[in-house]
Protein backbone atom coordinates (compact mmCIF):
# COMPACT_ATOMS: atom_id res chain seq x y z
CA MET A 1 -12.55 2.65 -72.39
CA HIS A 2 -12.87 6.41 -72.87
CA TRP A 3 -16.40 6.48 -72.17
CA PHE A 4 -16.76 3.69 -69.81
CA LEU A 5 -14.25 4.49 -66.92
CA PRO A 6 -15.13 8.19 -66.39
CA PHE A 7 -18.96 7.23 -66.61
CA ILE A 8 -18.56 4.32 -63.67
CA THR A 9 -16.24 6.54 -61.67
CA GLY A 10 -18.47 9.54 -62.35
CA MET A 11 -21.72 7.51 -61.13
CA ALA A 12 -20.05 6.13 -58.19
CA PHE A 13 -17.99 9.61 -56.90
CA LEU A 14 -19.72 12.58 -58.62
CA LYS A 15 -23.00 14.01 -56.64
CA ASN A 16 -25.09 15.02 -59.65
CA LYS A 17 -25.96 11.62 -61.50
CA LYS A 18 -28.17 13.37 -64.09
CA TRP A 19 -25.13 15.65 -65.24
CA VAL A 20 -22.83 12.34 -65.30
CA ILE A 21 -25.40 10.71 -67.53
CA LEU A 22 -25.80 13.87 -69.79
CA LEU A 23 -22.16 14.66 -69.93
CA SER A 24 -20.33 11.34 -70.19
CA PHE A 25 -20.40 11.81 -73.95
CA LEU A 26 -17.82 14.46 -73.84
CA ALA A 27 -15.39 11.68 -72.95
CA VAL A 28 -15.46 10.53 -76.45
CA ILE A 29 -15.47 13.93 -78.29
CA PRO A 30 -11.49 14.25 -78.32
CA ASP A 31 -11.54 11.40 -81.06
CA LEU A 32 -13.52 12.78 -83.40
CA ASP A 33 -10.17 14.69 -84.73
CA THR A 34 -9.69 10.81 -86.40
CA TYR A 35 -12.29 12.31 -88.98
CA PHE A 36 -10.32 15.23 -89.70
CA GLY A 37 -7.12 13.45 -90.21
CA LEU A 38 -5.40 14.78 -86.96
CA HIS A 39 -5.77 12.17 -84.51
CA ARG A 40 -4.20 13.07 -81.07
CA TYR A 41 -3.90 16.74 -82.53
CA LEU A 42 -7.27 18.56 -82.84
CA GLY A 43 -9.15 17.38 -80.06
CA HIS A 44 -6.23 15.94 -77.92
CA ASN A 45 -4.87 19.35 -76.50
CA LEU A 46 -5.18 21.42 -73.48
CA PHE A 47 -6.69 24.08 -75.61
CA ILE A 48 -10.07 21.84 -76.09
CA LEU A 49 -10.42 22.50 -72.37
CA ILE A 50 -10.52 26.45 -72.23
CA PRO A 51 -14.21 26.81 -73.59
CA PHE A 52 -15.20 24.99 -70.18
CA ILE A 53 -12.76 26.61 -67.98
CA VAL A 54 -13.94 30.09 -68.91
CA LEU A 55 -17.47 29.12 -68.86
CA PHE A 56 -17.07 27.86 -65.22
CA PHE A 57 -15.47 31.03 -64.22
CA VAL A 58 -17.92 33.10 -65.95
CA THR A 59 -21.17 31.40 -65.10
CA LYS A 60 -19.80 29.45 -61.66
CA ASN A 61 -21.89 26.48 -62.31
CA LYS A 62 -20.39 23.43 -61.55
CA ILE A 63 -21.71 21.62 -64.87
CA TRP A 64 -18.71 22.96 -66.80
CA LEU A 65 -16.59 21.09 -63.86
CA TYR A 66 -18.48 17.84 -64.94
CA ALA A 67 -17.77 18.63 -68.73
CA LEU A 68 -13.72 19.43 -67.81
CA TYR A 69 -13.96 16.06 -65.69
CA PHE A 70 -15.09 14.21 -68.98
CA LEU A 71 -13.03 15.85 -71.33
CA GLY A 72 -9.80 15.52 -69.11
CA SER A 73 -10.31 12.09 -68.53
CA HIS A 74 -9.79 11.28 -72.47
CA LEU A 75 -6.68 13.60 -72.43
CA PHE A 76 -5.18 11.85 -69.25
CA MET A 77 -5.70 8.12 -70.33
CA ASP A 78 -4.26 9.07 -74.12
CA MET A 79 -1.03 10.68 -72.48
CA SER A 80 0.29 6.79 -72.53
CA TYR A 81 2.26 5.81 -75.42
CA PRO A 82 2.75 7.48 -78.07
CA GLY A 83 1.37 10.41 -76.08
CA ILE A 84 -0.58 13.57 -77.38
CA ARG A 85 0.31 16.94 -78.75
CA LEU A 86 -0.56 18.82 -75.33
CA PHE A 87 0.11 22.41 -76.99
CA TRP A 88 -0.82 22.11 -80.41
CA PRO A 89 -1.00 24.15 -82.80
CA PHE A 90 1.91 25.89 -81.17
CA THR A 91 4.10 22.79 -81.13
CA ASP A 92 4.15 19.45 -82.64
CA ASN A 93 5.68 17.71 -79.58
CA SER A 94 4.22 14.87 -78.27
CA PHE A 95 3.77 14.60 -74.25
CA MET A 96 3.57 10.83 -73.04
CA VAL A 97 3.44 9.56 -69.27
CA HIS A 98 4.23 6.15 -68.57
CA PHE A 99 3.56 5.00 -64.82
CA PHE A 100 4.50 1.36 -64.08
CA VAL A 101 4.95 -0.74 -60.80
CA ALA A 102 8.14 -3.04 -61.08
CA MET A 103 9.27 -5.53 -58.62
CA LYS A 104 12.72 -5.96 -57.07
CA ASN A 105 13.59 -8.35 -54.12
CA THR A 106 10.02 -8.60 -53.23
CA THR A 107 9.84 -4.84 -52.81
CA PHE A 108 7.21 -3.10 -55.28
CA LEU A 109 8.83 0.06 -56.82
CA PRO A 110 6.65 2.90 -58.67
CA TYR A 111 8.01 4.31 -61.43
CA LEU A 112 6.99 7.36 -63.27
CA ASP A 113 8.41 8.26 -66.95
CA VAL A 114 7.25 11.55 -68.28
CA ALA A 115 8.53 12.28 -72.11
CA TRP A 116 8.57 15.12 -74.26
CA SER A 117 9.39 14.14 -77.95
CA ASN A 118 9.53 16.22 -80.76
CA ASN A 119 8.81 13.47 -83.20
CA ASN A 120 6.62 14.89 -85.87
CA ILE A 121 5.10 11.63 -86.93
CA PHE A 122 4.07 9.14 -84.28
CA PRO A 123 6.36 5.81 -84.43
CA ASP A 124 4.75 2.47 -85.02
CA VAL A 125 2.84 1.34 -82.03
CA ASN A 126 4.52 -1.53 -80.00
CA LEU A 127 1.56 -3.18 -78.84
CA PRO A 128 2.65 -4.93 -75.70
CA ARG A 129 4.38 -1.31 -74.50
CA ALA A 130 1.32 0.49 -75.71
CA MET A 131 -1.10 -1.89 -73.87
CA SER A 132 1.38 -1.51 -70.59
CA ALA A 133 1.36 2.26 -70.72
CA TYR A 134 -2.51 2.17 -71.29
CA SER A 135 -3.13 -0.26 -68.22
CA SER A 136 -1.22 1.71 -65.97
CA LEU A 137 -2.81 4.93 -66.55
CA ILE A 138 -6.27 3.17 -65.75
CA PHE A 139 -4.35 2.14 -62.62
CA LEU A 140 -3.55 5.70 -62.09
CA TRP A 141 -6.92 6.86 -63.15
CA LEU A 142 -8.38 4.51 -60.41
CA ALA A 143 -5.78 5.52 -57.74
CA ALA A 144 -6.37 9.03 -57.97
CA HIS A 145 -10.31 8.33 -57.33
CA VAL A 146 -9.33 6.42 -54.26
CA VAL A 147 -7.11 9.28 -52.88
CA VAL A 148 -9.71 11.80 -53.83
CA PHE A 149 -12.74 10.09 -52.86
CA HIS A 150 -11.42 7.81 -50.25
CA LYS A 151 -14.12 8.69 -47.52
CA LYS A 152 -17.01 8.26 -49.91
CA ILE A 153 -15.51 4.74 -51.29
CA ILE A 154 -15.39 3.91 -47.10
CA LYS A 155 -18.74 4.82 -46.78
CA ILE A 156 -19.75 3.01 -49.70
CA LEU A 157 -18.05 -0.29 -48.76
CA PHE A 158 -18.53 -0.13 -45.03
CA GLY A 159 -21.64 2.24 -44.41
CA PRO A 160 -21.55 5.48 -42.27
CA VAL A 161 -18.48 5.71 -39.96
CA ALA A 162 -19.73 6.63 -36.18
């Protein structure tokens, strides 16, 4: 999912398809921290993005924005339960975002739950809750693309607007 979703949305909405194809592998790079015994620590924090931000401002080359898109998508999707260590190594606190839509009296109510936890060890994952949080973040990911790229989506679906 970490590679597939950003790749598909990147191919649909980003202009340079060659860069999407070449850089889409960056979406799975954060999970390499698993091999060092530091999953959701080493590769799942804001500091992994800094070199690409610096490279963009130094070179003004948009390729680094594409790199940020793919790396950032991974961090965004992993913010579901049990969260990521956003500011590691400065703190072991985990950051979690859980978005869901509830129904009350035939009205859909969106809820956004943001949590900052000081648990040093992730609790046992409750699979239904984890899947609910993960699928809700995928929904948010797609909704964000609709908001940002709505004109392009309309053009793709309905052709040029006169």
